Amino acid sequence: MLNNTQKVYERLIRGGFLAVDSSKTEIKHLYQDVEDNYEEYAEFFKQIGFSLESGNGYYYFSTNAESKSDIESRLASFCKWIDYLDFFKTYNPIFSVGYQFNKSRIVNEIDVNADLKDKARHLFSQQMPFADKVDKLVKELETIGFAELIEEETATYKVTSAFRYAEDLVNLLTIYNEDEIPE
């Protein structure tokens, strides 16, 4: 039985995720409801033009982007997430599902790590202090469901299983040298 259709829709339509390891009770509840009733939810959302997809510990919507502007928008978003992933993996190569981090530590690392500083400079088009860039970046992680605040006092965040989506997309890339391009 589909008891949470509207809540699931409202979460996923904005590009969000439902993650199995969410620290938020409502998200855990929604994830479990979709898990228990996946076929029913998938069929319901299919009727209104959305494909309910499942990953390794997360759910999300996908649609068929057919217009040129839709494809361009998706590619721009994809490129942005490649840069974000590159930034976080430069900060700490083990930055992945379950990793806990603190914004102030990231800012401190930017001050002492030249590679990270260079990547931070290119994160957003507007000029702003590194602390503001990190705040904005973490807010994006939080909004989409890739990270959650788990300790308000220390501003500690945890990376959720939904982060695998971005990692999996980047891992699908195969980069060829010009001499190696398959025919």
N, C-alpha and C. Protein backbone atom coordinates (compact mmCIF):
# COMPACT_ATOMS: atom_id res chain seq x y z
N MET A 1 0.84 -1.18 0.00
CA MET A 1 0.00 0.00 0.00
C MET A 1 0.88 1.24 0.00
N LEU A 2 0.52 2.23 -0.80
CA LEU A 2 1.31 3.43 -0.98
C LEU A 2 0.83 4.54 -0.04
N ASN A 3 1.41 4.58 1.15
CA ASN A 3 0.98 5.55 2.15
C ASN A 3 1.72 6.87 2.07
N ASN A 4 2.86 6.89 1.40
CA ASN A 4 3.72 8.07 1.43
C ASN A 4 4.03 8.61 0.04
N THR A 5 3.14 8.42 -0.89
CA THR A 5 3.38 8.80 -2.28
C THR A 5 3.76 10.27 -2.40
N GLN A 6 3.02 11.15 -1.77
CA GLN A 6 3.29 12.58 -1.89
C GLN A 6 4.64 12.94 -1.28
N LYS A 7 4.96 12.39 -0.12
CA LYS A 7 6.24 12.71 0.53
C LYS A 7 7.41 12.18 -0.29
N VAL A 8 7.28 10.97 -0.83
CA VAL A 8 8.33 10.40 -1.68
C VAL A 8 8.50 11.27 -2.92
N TYR A 9 7.39 11.62 -3.55
CA TYR A 9 7.42 12.47 -4.74
C TYR A 9 8.10 13.80 -4.45
N GLU A 10 7.70 14.47 -3.37
CA GLU A 10 8.25 15.78 -3.04
C GLU A 10 9.75 15.72 -2.78
N ARG A 11 10.22 14.62 -2.22
CA ARG A 11 11.65 14.46 -1.95
C ARG A 11 12.44 14.19 -3.25
N LEU A 12 11.91 13.33 -4.08
CA LEU A 12 12.65 12.89 -5.26
C LEU A 12 12.52 13.84 -6.45
N ILE A 13 11.42 14.57 -6.55
CA ILE A 13 11.20 15.43 -7.70
C ILE A 13 12.22 16.56 -7.75
N ARG A 14 12.76 16.95 -6.63
CA ARG A 14 13.75 18.03 -6.58
C ARG A 14 15.17 17.49 -6.83
N GLY A 15 15.27 16.24 -7.25
CA GLY A 15 16.59 15.66 -7.48
C GLY A 15 17.19 15.06 -6.23
N GLY A 16 16.37 14.91 -5.20
CA GLY A 16 16.85 14.34 -3.95
C GLY A 16 16.90 12.83 -3.98
N PHE A 17 17.38 12.27 -2.91
CA PHE A 17 17.53 10.83 -2.77
C PHE A 17 16.91 10.37 -1.46
N LEU A 18 16.54 9.11 -1.42
CA LEU A 18 16.17 8.44 -0.17
C LEU A 18 17.28 7.45 0.11
N ALA A 19 17.97 7.63 1.23
CA ALA A 19 19.13 6.79 1.56
C ALA A 19 18.84 5.90 2.75
N VAL A 20 19.28 4.66 2.65
CA VAL A 20 19.06 3.67 3.70
C VAL A 20 19.72 4.09 5.01
N ASP A 21 20.83 4.79 4.94
CA ASP A 21 21.58 5.13 6.15
C ASP A 21 21.36 6.57 6.61
N SER A 22 20.24 7.15 6.20
CA SER A 22 19.93 8.50 6.62
C SER A 22 19.80 8.56 8.13
N SER A 23 20.25 9.67 8.71
CA SER A 23 20.09 9.84 10.15
C SER A 23 18.74 10.48 10.49
N LYS A 24 18.00 10.88 9.45
CA LYS A 24 16.70 11.51 9.66
C LYS A 24 15.61 10.43 9.65
N THR A 25 14.82 10.40 10.70
CA THR A 25 13.79 9.38 10.87
C THR A 25 12.81 9.36 9.70
N GLU A 26 12.38 10.53 9.24
CA GLU A 26 11.41 10.56 8.14
C GLU A 26 11.99 9.95 6.87
N ILE A 27 13.24 10.27 6.56
CA ILE A 27 13.88 9.72 5.35
C ILE A 27 14.03 8.21 5.47
N LYS A 28 14.43 7.74 6.63
CA LYS A 28 14.54 6.28 6.85
C LYS A 28 13.19 5.61 6.65
N HIS A 29 12.14 6.24 7.17
CA HIS A 29 10.78 5.70 7.04
C HIS A 29 10.37 5.65 5.58
N LEU A 30 10.61 6.73 4.84
CA LEU A 30 10.26 6.76 3.42
C LEU A 30 11.06 5.72 2.64
N TYR A 31 12.35 5.61 2.94
CA TYR A 31 13.19 4.61 2.27
C TYR A 31 12.61 3.21 2.50
N GLN A 32 12.27 2.91 3.74
CA GLN A 32 11.76 1.58 4.07
C GLN A 32 10.42 1.30 3.40
N ASP A 33 9.57 2.33 3.32
CA ASP A 33 8.28 2.17 2.65
C ASP A 33 8.48 1.87 1.17
N VAL A 34 9.39 2.60 0.52
CA VAL A 34 9.67 2.35 -0.90
C VAL A 34 10.29 0.97 -1.06
N GLU A 35 11.20 0.62 -0.17
CA GLU A 35 11.84 -0.71 -0.22
C GLU A 35 10.78 -1.83 -0.13
N ASP A 36 9.84 -1.67 0.78
CA ASP A 36 8.81 -2.69 0.99
C ASP A 36 7.78 -2.74 -0.14
N ASN A 37 7.59 -1.62 -0.83
CA ASN A 37 6.55 -1.53 -1.86
C ASN A 37 7.10 -1.02 -3.18
N TYR A 38 8.30 -1.44 -3.52
CA TYR A 38 9.00 -0.88 -4.68
C TYR A 38 8.19 -1.02 -5.97
N GLU A 39 7.68 -2.19 -6.24
CA GLU A 39 6.96 -2.40 -7.51
C GLU A 39 5.75 -1.48 -7.63
N GLU A 40 5.01 -1.31 -6.53
CA GLU A 40 3.83 -0.45 -6.56
C GLU A 40 4.22 1.01 -6.78
N TYR A 41 5.25 1.47 -6.06
CA TYR A 41 5.70 2.85 -6.25
C TYR A 41 6.23 3.05 -7.66
N ALA A 42 7.03 2.11 -8.15
CA ALA A 42 7.59 2.23 -9.50
C ALA A 42 6.49 2.33 -10.55
N GLU A 43 5.47 1.51 -10.42
CA GLU A 43 4.36 1.53 -11.37
C GLU A 43 3.59 2.85 -11.28
N PHE A 44 3.34 3.31 -10.07
CA PHE A 44 2.61 4.56 -9.88
C PHE A 44 3.37 5.72 -10.53
N PHE A 45 4.65 5.85 -10.23
CA PHE A 45 5.42 6.96 -10.76
C PHE A 45 5.63 6.84 -12.26
N LYS A 46 5.67 5.64 -12.77
CA LYS A 46 5.81 5.42 -14.22
C LYS A 46 4.61 6.03 -14.95
N GLN A 47 3.43 5.91 -14.34
CA GLN A 47 2.21 6.44 -14.95
C GLN A 47 2.22 7.96 -15.07
N ILE A 48 3.01 8.62 -14.24
CA ILE A 48 3.07 10.09 -14.32
C ILE A 48 4.41 10.56 -14.93
N GLY A 49 5.13 9.64 -15.56
CA GLY A 49 6.31 10.02 -16.34
C GLY A 49 7.65 9.97 -15.63
N PHE A 50 7.71 9.31 -14.48
CA PHE A 50 8.97 9.22 -13.75
C PHE A 50 9.37 7.76 -13.60
N SER A 51 10.66 7.54 -13.62
CA SER A 51 11.17 6.20 -13.39
C SER A 51 11.82 6.18 -12.01
N LEU A 52 11.28 5.37 -11.12
CA LEU A 52 11.84 5.21 -9.79
C LEU A 52 13.00 4.24 -9.90
N GLU A 53 14.19 4.72 -9.61
CA GLU A 53 15.40 3.92 -9.75
C GLU A 53 15.96 3.57 -8.38
N SER A 54 16.61 2.43 -8.30
CA SER A 54 17.26 2.06 -7.05
C SER A 54 18.74 1.86 -7.29
N GLY A 55 19.52 2.28 -6.32
CA GLY A 55 20.96 2.08 -6.34
C GLY A 55 21.33 1.25 -5.14
N ASN A 56 22.58 1.26 -4.80
CA ASN A 56 23.07 0.50 -3.66
C ASN A 56 22.79 1.27 -2.37
N GLY A 57 21.58 1.12 -1.85
CA GLY A 57 21.18 1.79 -0.62
C GLY A 57 20.50 3.13 -0.82
N TYR A 58 19.97 3.40 -2.01
CA TYR A 58 19.28 4.66 -2.25
C TYR A 58 18.28 4.52 -3.38
N TYR A 59 17.32 5.46 -3.41
CA TYR A 59 16.32 5.57 -4.48
C TYR A 59 16.35 6.99 -5.03
N TYR A 60 15.99 7.12 -6.32
CA TYR A 60 15.93 8.43 -6.96
C TYR A 60 15.03 8.33 -8.19
N PHE A 61 14.66 9.50 -8.73
CA PHE A 61 13.90 9.56 -9.98
C PHE A 61 14.84 9.74 -11.15
N SER A 62 14.45 9.16 -12.27
CA SER A 62 15.11 9.50 -13.53
C SER A 62 14.01 9.73 -14.56
N THR A 63 14.34 10.54 -15.55
CA THR A 63 13.43 10.80 -16.65
C THR A 63 14.24 10.73 -17.93
N ASN A 64 13.57 10.63 -19.04
CA ASN A 64 14.25 10.63 -20.32
C ASN A 64 14.39 12.08 -20.78
N ALA A 65 15.62 12.57 -20.79
CA ALA A 65 15.88 13.92 -21.29
C ALA A 65 16.00 13.83 -22.80
N GLU A 66 15.07 14.45 -23.49
CA GLU A 66 15.08 14.34 -24.94
C GLU A 66 15.41 15.65 -25.63
N SER A 67 15.08 16.77 -25.03
CA SER A 67 15.37 18.04 -25.69
C SER A 67 16.85 18.38 -25.51
N LYS A 68 17.35 19.17 -26.41
CA LYS A 68 18.76 19.56 -26.35
C LYS A 68 19.05 20.32 -25.06
N SER A 69 18.14 21.17 -24.63
CA SER A 69 18.38 21.94 -23.40
C SER A 69 18.38 21.03 -22.17
N ASP A 70 17.54 19.99 -22.17
CA ASP A 70 17.55 19.03 -21.06
C ASP A 70 18.88 18.30 -20.99
N ILE A 71 19.38 17.87 -22.14
CA ILE A 71 20.65 17.16 -22.19
C ILE A 71 21.79 18.07 -21.75
N GLU A 72 21.78 19.31 -22.24
CA GLU A 72 22.83 20.26 -21.86
C GLU A 72 22.79 20.54 -20.37
N SER A 73 21.60 20.67 -19.81
CA SER A 73 21.45 20.92 -18.38
C SER A 73 21.99 19.74 -17.57
N ARG A 74 21.68 18.53 -18.00
CA ARG A 74 22.18 17.34 -17.30
C ARG A 74 23.70 17.23 -17.40
N LEU A 75 24.25 17.55 -18.55
CA LEU A 75 25.71 17.50 -18.71
C LEU A 75 26.39 18.54 -17.82
N ALA A 76 25.82 19.74 -17.74
CA ALA A 76 26.38 20.78 -16.88
C ALA A 76 26.35 20.34 -15.42
N SER A 77 25.24 19.74 -15.01
CA SER A 77 25.13 19.24 -13.64
C SER A 77 26.14 18.13 -13.39
N PHE A 78 26.30 17.25 -14.36
CA PHE A 78 27.24 16.14 -14.25
C PHE A 78 28.67 16.68 -14.10
N CYS A 79 29.02 17.67 -14.89
CA CYS A 79 30.37 18.26 -14.81
C CYS A 79 30.60 18.90 -13.44
N LYS A 80 29.57 19.54 -12.93
CA LYS A 80 29.66 20.16 -11.61
C LYS A 80 29.96 19.11 -10.55
N TRP A 81 29.26 17.98 -10.61
CA TRP A 81 29.47 16.93 -9.61
C TRP A 81 30.82 16.24 -9.76
N ILE A 82 31.35 16.20 -10.98
CA ILE A 82 32.71 15.68 -11.16
C ILE A 82 33.69 16.58 -10.41
N ASP A 83 33.51 17.89 -10.54
CA ASP A 83 34.38 18.83 -9.83
C ASP A 83 34.23 18.69 -8.31
N TYR A 84 33.00 18.54 -7.84
CA TYR A 84 32.78 18.38 -6.41
C TYR A 84 33.45 17.11 -5.89
N LEU A 85 33.27 16.02 -6.62
CA LEU A 85 33.88 14.75 -6.22
C LEU A 85 35.40 14.88 -6.21
N ASP A 86 35.95 15.50 -7.22
CA ASP A 86 37.39 15.71 -7.30
C ASP A 86 37.87 16.51 -6.10
N PHE A 87 37.13 17.54 -5.74
CA PHE A 87 37.48 18.35 -4.57
C PHE A 87 37.49 17.51 -3.30
N PHE A 88 36.43 16.75 -3.08
CA PHE A 88 36.35 15.96 -1.84
C PHE A 88 37.38 14.84 -1.80
N LYS A 89 37.65 14.20 -2.93
CA LYS A 89 38.65 13.13 -2.96
C LYS A 89 40.06 13.70 -2.80
N THR A 90 40.27 14.95 -3.20
CA THR A 90 41.55 15.61 -2.96
C THR A 90 41.67 15.94 -1.48
N TYR A 91 40.56 16.37 -0.88
CA TYR A 91 40.55 16.64 0.56
C TYR A 91 40.91 15.38 1.33
N ASN A 92 40.24 14.29 1.00
CA ASN A 92 40.54 13.01 1.64
C ASN A 92 40.10 11.89 0.71
N PRO A 93 41.04 11.08 0.24
CA PRO A 93 40.71 10.01 -0.72
C PRO A 93 39.66 9.01 -0.22
N ILE A 94 39.46 8.94 1.09
CA ILE A 94 38.45 8.01 1.60
C ILE A 94 37.09 8.68 1.81
N PHE A 95 36.94 9.90 1.30
CA PHE A 95 35.66 10.62 1.40
C PHE A 95 34.64 9.83 0.59
N SER A 96 33.75 9.14 1.30
CA SER A 96 32.74 8.30 0.66
C SER A 96 31.66 7.99 1.68
N VAL A 97 30.84 7.02 1.37
CA VAL A 97 29.71 6.64 2.23
C VAL A 97 30.20 6.34 3.65
N GLY A 98 29.53 6.98 4.61
CA GLY A 98 29.85 6.77 6.02
C GLY A 98 30.91 7.71 6.56
N TYR A 99 31.62 8.40 5.69
CA TYR A 99 32.68 9.31 6.12
C TYR A 99 32.06 10.49 6.87
N GLN A 100 32.70 10.88 7.97
CA GLN A 100 32.23 12.03 8.73
C GLN A 100 33.22 13.17 8.55
N PHE A 101 32.69 14.37 8.37
CA PHE A 101 33.55 15.52 8.13
C PHE A 101 32.99 16.76 8.81
N ASN A 102 33.87 17.74 8.89
CA ASN A 102 33.56 19.00 9.53
C ASN A 102 33.99 20.12 8.58
N LYS A 103 33.13 21.09 8.35
CA LYS A 103 33.43 22.15 7.40
C LYS A 103 34.70 22.91 7.76
N SER A 104 34.92 23.17 9.03
CA SER A 104 36.10 23.96 9.41
C SER A 104 37.40 23.20 9.13
N ARG A 105 37.36 21.88 9.22
CA ARG A 105 38.56 21.10 8.88
C ARG A 105 38.86 21.18 7.38
N ILE A 106 37.81 21.19 6.59
CA ILE A 106 38.01 21.31 5.15
C ILE A 106 38.63 22.67 4.83
N VAL A 107 38.11 23.72 5.44
CA VAL A 107 38.66 25.07 5.22
C VAL A 107 40.11 25.12 5.67
N ASN A 108 40.43 24.54 6.82
CA ASN A 108 41.82 24.51 7.29
C ASN A 108 42.72 23.76 6.32
N GLU A 109 42.23 22.68 5.76
CA GLU A 109 43.02 21.90 4.79
C GLU A 109 43.25 22.69 3.51
N ILE A 110 42.28 23.49 3.11
CA ILE A 110 42.45 24.35 1.93
C ILE A 110 43.64 25.28 2.14
N ASP A 111 43.80 25.78 3.36
CA ASP A 111 44.88 26.72 3.66
C ASP A 111 46.27 26.10 3.53
N VAL A 112 46.38 24.79 3.73
CA VAL A 112 47.70 24.14 3.73
C VAL A 112 47.94 23.22 2.53
N ASN A 113 46.91 22.97 1.73
CA ASN A 113 47.02 22.03 0.61
C ASN A 113 46.82 22.81 -0.70
N ALA A 114 47.90 22.98 -1.46
CA ALA A 114 47.86 23.80 -2.68
C ALA A 114 46.90 23.21 -3.71
N ASP A 115 46.87 21.89 -3.87
CA ASP A 115 45.95 21.27 -4.84
C ASP A 115 44.50 21.55 -4.46
N LEU A 116 44.20 21.39 -3.18
CA LEU A 116 42.83 21.62 -2.71
C LEU A 116 42.45 23.09 -2.87
N LYS A 117 43.39 23.98 -2.60
CA LYS A 117 43.14 25.41 -2.75
C LYS A 117 42.82 25.75 -4.20
N ASP A 118 43.57 25.16 -5.12
CA ASP A 118 43.33 25.39 -6.54
C ASP A 118 41.94 24.88 -6.95
N LYS A 119 41.57 23.71 -6.48
CA LYS A 119 40.24 23.15 -6.80
C LYS A 119 39.14 24.00 -6.18
N ALA A 120 39.36 24.49 -4.96
CA ALA A 120 38.37 25.33 -4.28
C ALA A 120 38.14 26.64 -5.04
N ARG A 121 39.20 27.19 -5.61
CA ARG A 121 39.07 28.43 -6.38
C ARG A 121 38.11 28.28 -7.55
N HIS A 122 38.06 27.07 -8.12
CA HIS A 122 37.25 26.83 -9.32
C HIS A 122 35.88 26.23 -9.04
N LEU A 123 35.52 26.05 -7.78
CA LEU A 123 34.25 25.41 -7.45
C LEU A 123 33.03 26.20 -7.92
N PHE A 124 33.01 27.48 -7.69
CA PHE A 124 31.86 28.30 -8.05
C PHE A 124 32.35 29.50 -8.84
N SER A 125 31.53 29.99 -9.74
CA SER A 125 31.96 31.07 -10.63
C SER A 125 32.19 32.38 -9.88
N GLN A 126 31.40 32.64 -8.85
CA GLN A 126 31.56 33.89 -8.12
C GLN A 126 32.72 33.80 -7.13
N GLN A 127 33.37 34.95 -6.94
CA GLN A 127 34.46 35.04 -5.97
C GLN A 127 33.86 35.14 -4.57
N MET A 128 34.36 34.31 -3.67
CA MET A 128 33.93 34.35 -2.27
C MET A 128 35.00 33.69 -1.42
N PRO A 129 35.00 33.95 -0.13
CA PRO A 129 35.99 33.30 0.75
C PRO A 129 35.81 31.77 0.71
N PHE A 130 36.90 31.06 0.99
CA PHE A 130 36.85 29.60 0.95
C PHE A 130 35.81 29.04 1.92
N ALA A 131 35.67 29.66 3.08
CA ALA A 131 34.67 29.18 4.05
C ALA A 131 33.26 29.24 3.46
N ASP A 132 32.98 30.30 2.70
CA ASP A 132 31.66 30.43 2.06
C ASP A 132 31.48 29.39 0.97
N LYS A 133 32.56 29.11 0.23
CA LYS A 133 32.48 28.08 -0.81
C LYS A 133 32.20 26.71 -0.18
N VAL A 134 32.88 26.42 0.91
CA VAL A 134 32.66 25.14 1.59
C VAL A 134 31.24 25.08 2.14
N ASP A 135 30.75 26.17 2.72
CA ASP A 135 29.36 26.22 3.21
C ASP A 135 28.39 25.92 2.07
N LYS A 136 28.59 26.56 0.93
CA LYS A 136 27.70 26.37 -0.21
C LYS A 136 27.77 24.94 -0.73
N LEU A 137 28.95 24.40 -0.79
CA LEU A 137 29.15 23.03 -1.27
C LEU A 137 28.47 22.02 -0.34
N VAL A 138 28.66 22.18 0.95
CA VAL A 138 28.05 21.26 1.91
C VAL A 138 26.53 21.41 1.89
N LYS A 139 26.05 22.62 1.70
CA LYS A 139 24.60 22.84 1.59
C LYS A 139 24.03 22.07 0.39
N GLU A 140 24.77 22.07 -0.73
CA GLU A 140 24.33 21.31 -1.90
C GLU A 140 24.31 19.81 -1.59
N LEU A 141 25.33 19.33 -0.89
CA LEU A 141 25.35 17.91 -0.50
C LEU A 141 24.15 17.58 0.37
N GLU A 142 23.86 18.47 1.29
CA GLU A 142 22.73 18.27 2.21
C GLU A 142 21.39 18.31 1.47
N THR A 143 21.22 19.27 0.61
CA THR A 143 19.95 19.46 -0.11
C THR A 143 19.60 18.24 -0.94
N ILE A 144 20.57 17.68 -1.61
CA ILE A 144 20.31 16.54 -2.48
C ILE A 144 20.24 15.22 -1.70
N GLY A 145 20.77 15.22 -0.49
CA GLY A 145 20.71 14.01 0.34
C GLY A 145 21.99 13.21 0.34
N PHE A 146 23.09 13.80 -0.13
CA PHE A 146 24.38 13.11 -0.14
C PHE A 146 25.09 13.18 1.21
N ALA A 147 24.69 14.14 2.05
CA ALA A 147 25.28 14.28 3.38
C ALA A 147 24.23 14.82 4.33
N GLU A 148 24.42 14.52 5.60
CA GLU A 148 23.49 14.99 6.63
C GLU A 148 24.27 15.48 7.85
N LEU A 149 23.74 16.53 8.47
CA LEU A 149 24.30 17.03 9.72
C LEU A 149 23.95 16.03 10.81
N ILE A 150 24.97 15.49 11.47
CA ILE A 150 24.70 14.51 12.53
C ILE A 150 25.03 15.03 13.92
N GLU A 151 25.82 16.11 13.99
CA GLU A 151 26.16 16.69 15.29
C GLU A 151 26.21 18.21 15.13
N GLU A 152 25.16 18.87 15.60
CA GLU A 152 25.04 20.30 15.40
C GLU A 152 26.12 21.09 16.13
N GLU A 153 26.44 20.69 17.35
CA GLU A 153 27.42 21.41 18.16
C GLU A 153 28.78 21.50 17.48
N THR A 154 29.22 20.41 16.89
CA THR A 154 30.53 20.37 16.24
C THR A 154 30.43 20.55 14.72
N ALA A 155 29.21 20.73 14.22
CA ALA A 155 28.96 20.87 12.78
C ALA A 155 29.57 19.69 12.02
N THR A 156 29.30 18.48 12.52
CA THR A 156 29.81 17.27 11.90
C THR A 156 28.75 16.69 10.98
N TYR A 157 29.18 16.33 9.78
CA TYR A 157 28.31 15.77 8.75
C TYR A 157 28.72 14.33 8.46
N LYS A 158 27.76 13.56 7.95
CA LYS A 158 28.03 12.19 7.52
C LYS A 158 27.60 12.05 6.07
N VAL A 159 28.44 11.39 5.27
CA VAL A 159 28.12 11.12 3.88
C VAL A 159 27.18 9.92 3.83
N THR A 160 26.04 10.06 3.14
CA THR A 160 25.06 8.98 3.07
C THR A 160 25.33 8.06 1.88
N SER A 161 24.62 6.96 1.84
CA SER A 161 24.80 6.00 0.75
C SER A 161 24.37 6.57 -0.60
N ALA A 162 23.57 7.62 -0.60
CA ALA A 162 23.17 8.26 -1.86
C ALA A 162 24.37 8.85 -2.59
N PHE A 163 25.44 9.14 -1.88
CA PHE A 163 26.67 9.68 -2.48
C PHE A 163 27.24 8.70 -3.52
N ARG A 164 26.93 7.42 -3.35
CA ARG A 164 27.39 6.41 -4.32
C ARG A 164 26.91 6.73 -5.73
N TYR A 165 25.75 7.36 -5.83
CA TYR A 165 25.22 7.73 -7.14
C TYR A 165 26.25 8.56 -7.91
N ALA A 166 26.77 9.61 -7.28
CA ALA A 166 27.77 10.46 -7.93
C ALA A 166 29.05 9.68 -8.20
N GLU A 167 29.47 8.88 -7.24
CA GLU A 167 30.68 8.07 -7.45
C GLU A 167 30.50 7.09 -8.60
N ASP A 168 29.34 6.45 -8.64
CA ASP A 168 29.08 5.47 -9.71
C ASP A 168 29.06 6.14 -11.08
N LEU A 169 28.47 7.33 -11.17
CA LEU A 169 28.45 8.04 -12.44
C LEU A 169 29.85 8.35 -12.93
N VAL A 170 30.68 8.84 -12.04
CA VAL A 170 32.06 9.18 -12.42
C VAL A 170 32.84 7.92 -12.77
N ASN A 171 32.59 6.84 -12.06
CA ASN A 171 33.30 5.59 -12.35
C ASN A 171 32.90 4.99 -13.70
N LEU A 172 31.76 5.40 -14.24
CA LEU A 172 31.34 4.93 -15.56
C LEU A 172 32.15 5.56 -16.68
N LEU A 173 32.78 6.68 -16.38
CA LEU A 173 33.56 7.38 -17.39
C LEU A 173 34.79 6.56 -17.78
N THR A 174 35.00 6.47 -19.05
CA THR A 174 36.22 5.89 -19.57
C THR A 174 36.86 6.96 -20.42
N ILE A 175 38.04 7.38 -20.02
CA ILE A 175 38.71 8.45 -20.74
C ILE A 175 39.80 7.83 -21.60
N TYR A 176 39.72 8.13 -22.88
CA TYR A 176 40.68 7.59 -23.84
C TYR A 176 41.62 8.70 -24.30
N ASN A 177 42.87 8.35 -24.57
CA ASN A 177 43.75 9.25 -25.27
C ASN A 177 43.28 9.30 -26.72
N GLU A 178 43.60 10.36 -27.43
CA GLU A 178 43.15 10.47 -28.82
C GLU A 178 43.59 9.27 -29.65
N ASP A 179 44.78 8.74 -29.37
CA ASP A 179 45.29 7.59 -30.13
C ASP A 179 44.57 6.30 -29.81
N GLU A 180 43.82 6.26 -28.69
CA GLU A 180 43.19 5.02 -28.25
C GLU A 180 41.68 4.98 -28.48
N ILE A 181 41.11 5.99 -29.11
CA ILE A 181 39.66 6.06 -29.27
C ILE A 181 39.19 4.88 -30.11
N PRO A 182 38.24 4.07 -29.54
CA PRO A 182 37.76 2.91 -30.29
C PRO A 182 36.94 3.34 -31.51
N GLU A 183 36.99 2.56 -32.55
CA GLU A 183 36.29 2.88 -33.80
C GLU A 183 34.95 2.20 -33.85
